Amino acid sequence: MEMDFILWLLCFFAVVSLLGVLVYQLMCLSDLEFDYSNPFDSSVNINSCIVPEFFIHGTLGCTYLLTGHWWLFILNVPLAYYHTSLYLRKQHLLDVTEIFSHLGREKKYRLVKLAFYLLLFVIVIFKLLVATFHLVLEHEDAAQTARTFTAIHADM
């Protein structure tokens, strides 16, 4: 049970980092939309986050696969496939010259990913709470067993 707790704690931090990276990308796109930053700075800032996001998401999916959480793995497969296809076609980075023409599409794409990561966040929080409760109950049961064992031997 301690391994479940550690697993879900690591997944929690991974999903929080994915959410943070995605919110940062959305903020950069919003700054560009409202003309608070120039296209070069926005694309450099967003492009620096894309590959780490893909790596964290891929690692999270592999973790679900290796630990036997099949439904979470299957939930992550479509986005992982899309990330992989973008990366292999070399379309994962934003182009400075075309960022304004693709601004609406990029924001929608990231908002859909934000909804997906929020769903994943809720699931991971739930699983983390369940693992925590199981861990606490397991330790309470062990303490109760030790008290019972001590009381039995004290009576002898």
N, C-alpha and C. Protein backbone atom coordinates (compact mmCIF):
# COMPACT_ATOMS: atom_id res chain seq x y z
N MET A 1 0.81 -1.20 0.00
CA MET A 1 0.00 0.00 0.00
C MET A 1 0.85 1.27 0.00
N GLU A 2 2.04 1.21 0.58
CA GLU A 2 2.88 2.40 0.57
C GLU A 2 3.32 2.74 -0.84
N MET A 3 3.51 1.72 -1.67
CA MET A 3 3.91 1.97 -3.05
C MET A 3 2.78 2.66 -3.83
N ASP A 4 1.53 2.30 -3.53
CA ASP A 4 0.40 2.98 -4.18
C ASP A 4 0.40 4.47 -3.84
N PHE A 5 0.64 4.75 -2.57
CA PHE A 5 0.68 6.15 -2.13
C PHE A 5 1.79 6.91 -2.85
N ILE A 6 2.97 6.31 -2.93
CA ILE A 6 4.10 6.96 -3.60
C ILE A 6 3.80 7.14 -5.09
N LEU A 7 3.20 6.12 -5.71
CA LEU A 7 2.85 6.21 -7.12
C LEU A 7 1.90 7.37 -7.38
N TRP A 8 0.83 7.46 -6.59
CA TRP A 8 -0.15 8.51 -6.83
C TRP A 8 0.39 9.88 -6.45
N LEU A 9 1.30 9.93 -5.49
CA LEU A 9 1.93 11.21 -5.16
C LEU A 9 2.80 11.69 -6.32
N LEU A 10 3.56 10.79 -6.93
CA LEU A 10 4.36 11.15 -8.10
C LEU A 10 3.47 11.55 -9.28
N CYS A 11 2.38 10.82 -9.47
CA CYS A 11 1.43 11.17 -10.54
C CYS A 11 0.80 12.53 -10.28
N PHE A 12 0.52 12.83 -9.03
CA PHE A 12 -0.03 14.13 -8.67
C PHE A 12 0.92 15.25 -9.09
N PHE A 13 2.20 15.11 -8.74
CA PHE A 13 3.17 16.14 -9.11
C PHE A 13 3.35 16.24 -10.62
N ALA A 14 3.27 15.11 -11.31
CA ALA A 14 3.38 15.12 -12.77
C ALA A 14 2.20 15.86 -13.40
N VAL A 15 0.99 15.58 -12.92
CA VAL A 15 -0.19 16.24 -13.49
C VAL A 15 -0.20 17.73 -13.15
N VAL A 16 0.23 18.07 -11.94
CA VAL A 16 0.31 19.49 -11.57
C VAL A 16 1.32 20.21 -12.47
N SER A 17 2.44 19.56 -12.76
CA SER A 17 3.42 20.19 -13.65
C SER A 17 2.85 20.33 -15.07
N LEU A 18 2.10 19.34 -15.53
CA LEU A 18 1.46 19.45 -16.85
C LEU A 18 0.47 20.61 -16.87
N LEU A 19 -0.30 20.74 -15.81
CA LEU A 19 -1.25 21.86 -15.73
C LEU A 19 -0.52 23.20 -15.71
N GLY A 20 0.56 23.27 -14.95
CA GLY A 20 1.33 24.51 -14.89
C GLY A 20 1.91 24.90 -16.23
N VAL A 21 2.47 23.94 -16.94
CA VAL A 21 3.04 24.21 -18.26
C VAL A 21 1.96 24.66 -19.23
N LEU A 22 0.82 24.01 -19.17
CA LEU A 22 -0.26 24.35 -20.09
C LEU A 22 -0.85 25.73 -19.79
N VAL A 23 -1.01 26.06 -18.53
CA VAL A 23 -1.51 27.39 -18.16
C VAL A 23 -0.50 28.46 -18.60
N TYR A 24 0.79 28.17 -18.45
CA TYR A 24 1.82 29.10 -18.91
C TYR A 24 1.71 29.33 -20.42
N GLN A 25 1.51 28.26 -21.18
CA GLN A 25 1.36 28.39 -22.63
C GLN A 25 0.13 29.21 -22.98
N LEU A 26 -0.96 28.98 -22.27
CA LEU A 26 -2.18 29.76 -22.52
C LEU A 26 -1.98 31.23 -22.18
N MET A 27 -1.23 31.50 -21.11
CA MET A 27 -0.94 32.90 -20.76
C MET A 27 -0.09 33.57 -21.84
N CYS A 28 0.89 32.84 -22.37
CA CYS A 28 1.71 33.39 -23.46
C CYS A 28 0.86 33.69 -24.69
N LEU A 29 -0.05 32.79 -25.02
CA LEU A 29 -0.93 33.02 -26.17
C LEU A 29 -1.87 34.20 -25.92
N SER A 30 -2.37 34.33 -24.70
CA SER A 30 -3.25 35.46 -24.37
C SER A 30 -2.48 36.77 -24.41
N ASP A 31 -1.24 36.76 -23.91
CA ASP A 31 -0.42 37.96 -23.99
C ASP A 31 -0.18 38.37 -25.44
N LEU A 32 0.03 37.39 -26.28
CA LEU A 32 0.22 37.68 -27.71
C LEU A 32 -1.06 38.21 -28.33
N GLU A 33 -2.18 37.63 -27.95
CA GLU A 33 -3.47 38.05 -28.51
C GLU A 33 -3.79 39.50 -28.14
N PHE A 34 -3.46 39.88 -26.91
CA PHE A 34 -3.75 41.24 -26.46
C PHE A 34 -2.58 42.19 -26.68
N ASP A 35 -1.59 41.73 -27.44
CA ASP A 35 -0.45 42.53 -27.85
C ASP A 35 0.43 42.99 -26.68
N TYR A 36 0.54 42.15 -25.65
CA TYR A 36 1.44 42.44 -24.54
C TYR A 36 2.84 41.89 -24.79
N SER A 37 2.96 40.97 -25.75
CA SER A 37 4.27 40.43 -26.10
C SER A 37 4.36 40.28 -27.61
N ASN A 38 5.57 40.14 -28.09
CA ASN A 38 5.75 40.00 -29.53
C ASN A 38 5.73 38.52 -29.92
N PRO A 39 5.52 38.24 -31.20
CA PRO A 39 5.41 36.84 -31.64
C PRO A 39 6.67 36.01 -31.38
N PHE A 40 7.84 36.62 -31.51
CA PHE A 40 9.07 35.87 -31.31
C PHE A 40 9.19 35.40 -29.86
N ASP A 41 8.98 36.32 -28.90
CA ASP A 41 9.08 35.94 -27.49
C ASP A 41 8.04 34.89 -27.12
N SER A 42 6.82 35.08 -27.60
CA SER A 42 5.76 34.11 -27.27
C SER A 42 6.08 32.73 -27.83
N SER A 43 6.52 32.67 -29.08
CA SER A 43 6.81 31.36 -29.66
C SER A 43 8.02 30.71 -29.00
N VAL A 44 9.03 31.48 -28.63
CA VAL A 44 10.19 30.91 -27.93
C VAL A 44 9.76 30.38 -26.57
N ASN A 45 8.95 31.14 -25.85
CA ASN A 45 8.49 30.69 -24.52
C ASN A 45 7.63 29.43 -24.61
N ILE A 46 6.73 29.39 -25.57
CA ILE A 46 5.85 28.23 -25.71
C ILE A 46 6.64 27.02 -26.22
N ASN A 47 7.50 27.23 -27.20
CA ASN A 47 8.28 26.12 -27.76
C ASN A 47 9.22 25.49 -26.74
N SER A 48 9.68 26.28 -25.78
CA SER A 48 10.56 25.72 -24.76
C SER A 48 9.81 24.79 -23.80
N CYS A 49 8.50 24.87 -23.77
CA CYS A 49 7.69 24.04 -22.87
C CYS A 49 7.12 22.80 -23.53
N ILE A 50 7.10 22.74 -24.84
CA ILE A 50 6.36 21.69 -25.53
C ILE A 50 6.99 20.31 -25.36
N VAL A 51 8.30 20.19 -25.60
CA VAL A 51 8.95 18.88 -25.49
C VAL A 51 8.92 18.36 -24.05
N PRO A 52 9.20 19.20 -23.03
CA PRO A 52 9.05 18.68 -21.66
C PRO A 52 7.63 18.23 -21.34
N GLU A 53 6.64 18.94 -21.87
CA GLU A 53 5.25 18.52 -21.66
C GLU A 53 5.00 17.15 -22.29
N PHE A 54 5.48 16.96 -23.52
CA PHE A 54 5.32 15.67 -24.18
C PHE A 54 6.01 14.56 -23.39
N PHE A 55 7.20 14.85 -22.88
CA PHE A 55 7.96 13.86 -22.12
C PHE A 55 7.25 13.49 -20.82
N ILE A 56 6.76 14.48 -20.09
CA ILE A 56 6.06 14.21 -18.82
C ILE A 56 4.79 13.42 -19.09
N HIS A 57 4.05 13.80 -20.12
CA HIS A 57 2.82 13.08 -20.43
C HIS A 57 3.11 11.65 -20.85
N GLY A 58 4.14 11.45 -21.66
CA GLY A 58 4.52 10.10 -22.07
C GLY A 58 4.98 9.25 -20.90
N THR A 59 5.75 9.85 -20.01
CA THR A 59 6.21 9.13 -18.82
C THR A 59 5.03 8.75 -17.93
N LEU A 60 4.08 9.65 -17.80
CA LEU A 60 2.89 9.37 -17.00
C LEU A 60 2.10 8.22 -17.61
N GLY A 61 1.93 8.22 -18.92
CA GLY A 61 1.23 7.13 -19.59
C GLY A 61 1.94 5.80 -19.43
N CYS A 62 3.27 5.81 -19.56
CA CYS A 62 4.05 4.57 -19.36
C CYS A 62 3.96 4.09 -17.92
N THR A 63 3.91 5.01 -16.98
CA THR A 63 3.76 4.63 -15.58
C THR A 63 2.43 3.92 -15.36
N TYR A 64 1.38 4.46 -15.95
CA TYR A 64 0.07 3.79 -15.83
C TYR A 64 0.11 2.41 -16.46
N LEU A 65 0.79 2.27 -17.58
CA LEU A 65 0.88 0.97 -18.25
C LEU A 65 1.66 -0.02 -17.40
N LEU A 66 2.79 0.39 -16.87
CA LEU A 66 3.66 -0.52 -16.11
C LEU A 66 3.09 -0.89 -14.75
N THR A 67 2.23 -0.04 -14.19
CA THR A 67 1.65 -0.35 -12.88
C THR A 67 0.28 -1.01 -12.99
N GLY A 68 -0.18 -1.24 -14.21
CA GLY A 68 -1.42 -1.98 -14.39
C GLY A 68 -2.69 -1.16 -14.26
N HIS A 69 -2.59 0.14 -14.37
CA HIS A 69 -3.78 1.00 -14.34
C HIS A 69 -4.23 1.20 -15.79
N TRP A 70 -4.89 0.17 -16.33
CA TRP A 70 -5.19 0.10 -17.75
C TRP A 70 -6.12 1.20 -18.21
N TRP A 71 -7.16 1.50 -17.45
CA TRP A 71 -8.12 2.49 -17.92
C TRP A 71 -7.50 3.88 -17.96
N LEU A 72 -6.57 4.18 -17.06
CA LEU A 72 -5.88 5.47 -17.14
C LEU A 72 -4.91 5.49 -18.32
N PHE A 73 -4.28 4.36 -18.58
CA PHE A 73 -3.40 4.28 -19.74
C PHE A 73 -4.20 4.48 -21.02
N ILE A 74 -5.33 3.81 -21.13
CA ILE A 74 -6.17 3.93 -22.33
C ILE A 74 -6.71 5.35 -22.47
N LEU A 75 -6.99 6.00 -21.35
CA LEU A 75 -7.45 7.38 -21.38
C LEU A 75 -6.36 8.31 -21.94
N ASN A 76 -5.10 7.99 -21.67
CA ASN A 76 -3.98 8.83 -22.12
C ASN A 76 -3.50 8.53 -23.53
N VAL A 77 -3.88 7.38 -24.09
CA VAL A 77 -3.36 6.97 -25.40
C VAL A 77 -3.70 7.96 -26.52
N PRO A 78 -4.93 8.45 -26.66
CA PRO A 78 -5.20 9.35 -27.79
C PRO A 78 -4.34 10.62 -27.79
N LEU A 79 -4.19 11.24 -26.63
CA LEU A 79 -3.37 12.45 -26.58
C LEU A 79 -1.90 12.12 -26.80
N ALA A 80 -1.44 11.00 -26.26
CA ALA A 80 -0.05 10.59 -26.48
C ALA A 80 0.20 10.30 -27.96
N TYR A 81 -0.77 9.68 -28.62
CA TYR A 81 -0.65 9.43 -30.06
C TYR A 81 -0.59 10.74 -30.83
N TYR A 82 -1.44 11.68 -30.46
CA TYR A 82 -1.44 12.98 -31.14
C TYR A 82 -0.12 13.70 -30.92
N HIS A 83 0.39 13.69 -29.69
CA HIS A 83 1.69 14.30 -29.41
C HIS A 83 2.79 13.65 -30.25
N THR A 84 2.77 12.32 -30.31
CA THR A 84 3.79 11.60 -31.08
C THR A 84 3.70 11.93 -32.56
N SER A 85 2.49 11.98 -33.09
CA SER A 85 2.35 12.29 -34.52
C SER A 85 2.79 13.72 -34.82
N LEU A 86 2.50 14.66 -33.93
CA LEU A 86 2.98 16.03 -34.13
C LEU A 86 4.50 16.07 -34.11
N TYR A 87 5.09 15.36 -33.16
CA TYR A 87 6.54 15.37 -33.02
C TYR A 87 7.22 14.73 -34.23
N LEU A 88 6.69 13.62 -34.70
CA LEU A 88 7.31 12.92 -35.84
C LEU A 88 7.16 13.71 -37.14
N ARG A 89 6.07 14.46 -37.28
CA ARG A 89 5.88 15.29 -38.47
C ARG A 89 6.55 16.66 -38.34
N LYS A 90 7.21 16.88 -37.20
CA LYS A 90 7.89 18.15 -36.90
C LYS A 90 6.92 19.33 -36.93
N GLN A 91 5.71 19.11 -36.43
CA GLN A 91 4.71 20.17 -36.37
C GLN A 91 4.38 20.55 -34.93
N HIS A 92 5.22 20.15 -33.99
CA HIS A 92 4.92 20.39 -32.59
C HIS A 92 5.32 21.78 -32.12
N LEU A 93 6.20 22.46 -32.85
CA LEU A 93 6.66 23.79 -32.46
C LEU A 93 5.87 24.86 -33.20
N LEU A 94 5.70 26.00 -32.53
CA LEU A 94 5.01 27.13 -33.15
C LEU A 94 5.98 27.90 -34.03
N ASP A 95 5.50 28.31 -35.19
CA ASP A 95 6.31 29.10 -36.11
C ASP A 95 6.05 30.58 -35.83
N VAL A 96 7.13 31.34 -35.74
CA VAL A 96 7.01 32.76 -35.42
C VAL A 96 6.21 33.50 -36.49
N THR A 97 6.41 33.13 -37.74
CA THR A 97 5.76 33.86 -38.83
C THR A 97 4.28 33.53 -38.98
N GLU A 98 3.85 32.39 -38.45
CA GLU A 98 2.46 31.97 -38.62
C GLU A 98 1.67 31.95 -37.32
N ILE A 99 2.24 32.46 -36.27
CA ILE A 99 1.59 32.33 -34.96
C ILE A 99 0.27 33.10 -34.90
N PHE A 100 0.20 34.25 -35.57
CA PHE A 100 -1.05 35.02 -35.52
C PHE A 100 -2.17 34.33 -36.29
N SER A 101 -1.84 33.69 -37.39
CA SER A 101 -2.88 33.03 -38.17
C SER A 101 -3.38 31.75 -37.49
N HIS A 102 -2.59 31.18 -36.60
CA HIS A 102 -2.97 29.95 -35.92
C HIS A 102 -3.33 30.18 -34.45
N LEU A 103 -3.47 31.43 -34.05
CA LEU A 103 -3.68 31.75 -32.64
C LEU A 103 -4.96 31.14 -32.09
N GLY A 104 -6.06 31.28 -32.79
CA GLY A 104 -7.33 30.72 -32.31
C GLY A 104 -7.28 29.21 -32.19
N ARG A 105 -6.72 28.56 -33.20
CA ARG A 105 -6.61 27.10 -33.19
C ARG A 105 -5.71 26.62 -32.05
N GLU A 106 -4.60 27.31 -31.83
CA GLU A 106 -3.67 26.93 -30.77
C GLU A 106 -4.31 27.09 -29.39
N LYS A 107 -5.08 28.16 -29.21
CA LYS A 107 -5.75 28.35 -27.92
C LYS A 107 -6.80 27.27 -27.69
N LYS A 108 -7.57 26.92 -28.72
CA LYS A 108 -8.58 25.86 -28.57
C LYS A 108 -7.92 24.53 -28.26
N TYR A 109 -6.83 24.23 -28.96
CA TYR A 109 -6.09 22.99 -28.73
C TYR A 109 -5.61 22.91 -27.29
N ARG A 110 -5.10 24.01 -26.78
CA ARG A 110 -4.60 24.00 -25.40
C ARG A 110 -5.74 24.01 -24.38
N LEU A 111 -6.86 24.60 -24.71
CA LEU A 111 -8.01 24.55 -23.80
C LEU A 111 -8.58 23.13 -23.70
N VAL A 112 -8.59 22.41 -24.81
CA VAL A 112 -9.03 21.00 -24.77
C VAL A 112 -8.06 20.18 -23.93
N LYS A 113 -6.76 20.43 -24.11
CA LYS A 113 -5.78 19.72 -23.30
C LYS A 113 -5.91 20.10 -21.83
N LEU A 114 -6.25 21.36 -21.55
CA LEU A 114 -6.46 21.78 -20.17
C LEU A 114 -7.62 21.02 -19.54
N ALA A 115 -8.71 20.86 -20.28
CA ALA A 115 -9.85 20.09 -19.77
C ALA A 115 -9.45 18.65 -19.51
N PHE A 116 -8.66 18.06 -20.42
CA PHE A 116 -8.19 16.68 -20.24
C PHE A 116 -7.31 16.57 -19.00
N TYR A 117 -6.36 17.50 -18.85
CA TYR A 117 -5.46 17.45 -17.70
C TYR A 117 -6.20 17.70 -16.39
N LEU A 118 -7.24 18.53 -16.43
CA LEU A 118 -8.06 18.74 -15.23
C LEU A 118 -8.82 17.47 -14.85
N LEU A 119 -9.33 16.76 -15.85
CA LEU A 119 -9.98 15.47 -15.58
C LEU A 119 -8.97 14.50 -14.97
N LEU A 120 -7.79 14.45 -15.54
CA LEU A 120 -6.73 13.59 -15.01
C LEU A 120 -6.36 14.01 -13.59
N PHE A 121 -6.34 15.31 -13.33
CA PHE A 121 -6.03 15.82 -11.99
C PHE A 121 -7.06 15.35 -10.97
N VAL A 122 -8.33 15.41 -11.33
CA VAL A 122 -9.39 14.96 -10.41
C VAL A 122 -9.25 13.47 -10.13
N ILE A 123 -8.97 12.68 -11.15
CA ILE A 123 -8.81 11.24 -10.97
C ILE A 123 -7.62 10.94 -10.08
N VAL A 124 -6.51 11.62 -10.32
CA VAL A 124 -5.30 11.38 -9.52
C VAL A 124 -5.51 11.82 -8.07
N ILE A 125 -6.19 12.93 -7.85
CA ILE A 125 -6.49 13.37 -6.48
C ILE A 125 -7.33 12.31 -5.77
N PHE A 126 -8.35 11.81 -6.46
CA PHE A 126 -9.20 10.77 -5.87
C PHE A 126 -8.38 9.54 -5.51
N LYS A 127 -7.55 9.07 -6.45
CA LYS A 127 -6.74 7.88 -6.19
C LYS A 127 -5.72 8.14 -5.08
N LEU A 128 -5.19 9.35 -5.00
CA LEU A 128 -4.25 9.69 -3.93
C LEU A 128 -4.95 9.67 -2.58
N LEU A 129 -6.16 10.19 -2.51
CA LEU A 129 -6.92 10.16 -1.25
C LEU A 129 -7.25 8.74 -0.85
N VAL A 130 -7.65 7.91 -1.80
CA VAL A 130 -7.95 6.50 -1.50
C VAL A 130 -6.70 5.80 -0.98
N ALA A 131 -5.56 6.02 -1.63
CA ALA A 131 -4.31 5.40 -1.19
C ALA A 131 -3.91 5.89 0.20
N THR A 132 -4.16 7.16 0.48
CA THR A 132 -3.85 7.71 1.80
C THR A 132 -4.72 7.08 2.86
N PHE A 133 -6.02 6.96 2.59
CA PHE A 133 -6.91 6.33 3.56
C PHE A 133 -6.54 4.88 3.80
N HIS A 134 -6.20 4.15 2.75
CA HIS A 134 -5.79 2.76 2.91
C HIS A 134 -4.51 2.66 3.73
N LEU A 135 -3.59 3.57 3.51
CA LEU A 135 -2.34 3.57 4.25
C LEU A 135 -2.58 3.86 5.73
N VAL A 136 -3.44 4.82 6.02
CA VAL A 136 -3.75 5.16 7.41
C VAL A 136 -4.47 4.00 8.09
N LEU A 137 -5.45 3.42 7.41
CA LEU A 137 -6.18 2.29 7.99
C LEU A 137 -5.27 1.08 8.19
N GLU A 138 -4.34 0.87 7.28
CA GLU A 138 -3.40 -0.25 7.41
C GLU A 138 -2.52 -0.07 8.65
N HIS A 139 -2.06 1.15 8.88
CA HIS A 139 -1.24 1.40 10.07
C HIS A 139 -2.06 1.30 11.35
N GLU A 140 -3.32 1.74 11.30
CA GLU A 140 -4.18 1.61 12.47
C GLU A 140 -4.46 0.14 12.77
N ASP A 141 -4.69 -0.66 11.74
CA ASP A 141 -4.90 -2.10 11.94
C ASP A 141 -3.66 -2.76 12.52
N ALA A 142 -2.49 -2.36 12.05
CA ALA A 142 -1.24 -2.92 12.58
C ALA A 142 -1.06 -2.54 14.04
N ALA A 143 -1.40 -1.30 14.38
CA ALA A 143 -1.27 -0.86 15.78
C ALA A 143 -2.27 -1.61 16.66
N GLN A 144 -3.50 -1.80 16.18
CA GLN A 144 -4.50 -2.54 16.94
C GLN A 144 -4.08 -3.99 17.13
N THR A 145 -3.52 -4.60 16.11
CA THR A 145 -3.04 -5.98 16.22
C THR A 145 -1.92 -6.08 17.24
N ALA A 146 -1.02 -5.11 17.23
CA ALA A 146 0.09 -5.11 18.20
C ALA A 146 -0.44 -4.96 19.61
N ARG A 147 -1.44 -4.10 19.82
CA ARG A 147 -2.02 -3.94 21.17
C ARG A 147 -2.71 -5.22 21.61
N THR A 148 -3.42 -5.86 20.70
CA THR A 148 -4.10 -7.12 21.02
C THR A 148 -3.09 -8.20 21.34
N PHE A 149 -2.04 -8.30 20.55
CA PHE A 149 -0.99 -9.29 20.77
C PHE A 149 -0.32 -9.06 22.12
N THR A 150 -0.05 -7.81 22.47
CA THR A 150 0.57 -7.48 23.75
C THR A 150 -0.37 -7.83 24.90
N ALA A 151 -1.66 -7.55 24.74
CA ALA A 151 -2.63 -7.84 25.80
C ALA A 151 -2.77 -9.35 26.00
N ILE A 152 -2.73 -10.13 24.94
CA ILE A 152 -2.85 -11.59 25.06
C ILE A 152 -1.65 -12.15 25.79
N HIS A 153 -0.45 -11.68 25.44
CA HIS A 153 0.76 -12.18 26.09
C HIS A 153 0.88 -11.68 27.53
N ALA A 154 0.27 -10.55 27.84
CA ALA A 154 0.32 -10.05 29.21
C ALA A 154 -0.58 -10.88 30.12
N ASP A 155 -1.65 -11.45 29.56
CA ASP A 155 -2.56 -12.27 30.35
C ASP A 155 -1.97 -13.64 30.64
N MET A 156 -1.02 -14.09 29.87
CA MET A 156 -0.45 -15.43 30.05
C MET A 156 0.49 -15.48 31.16
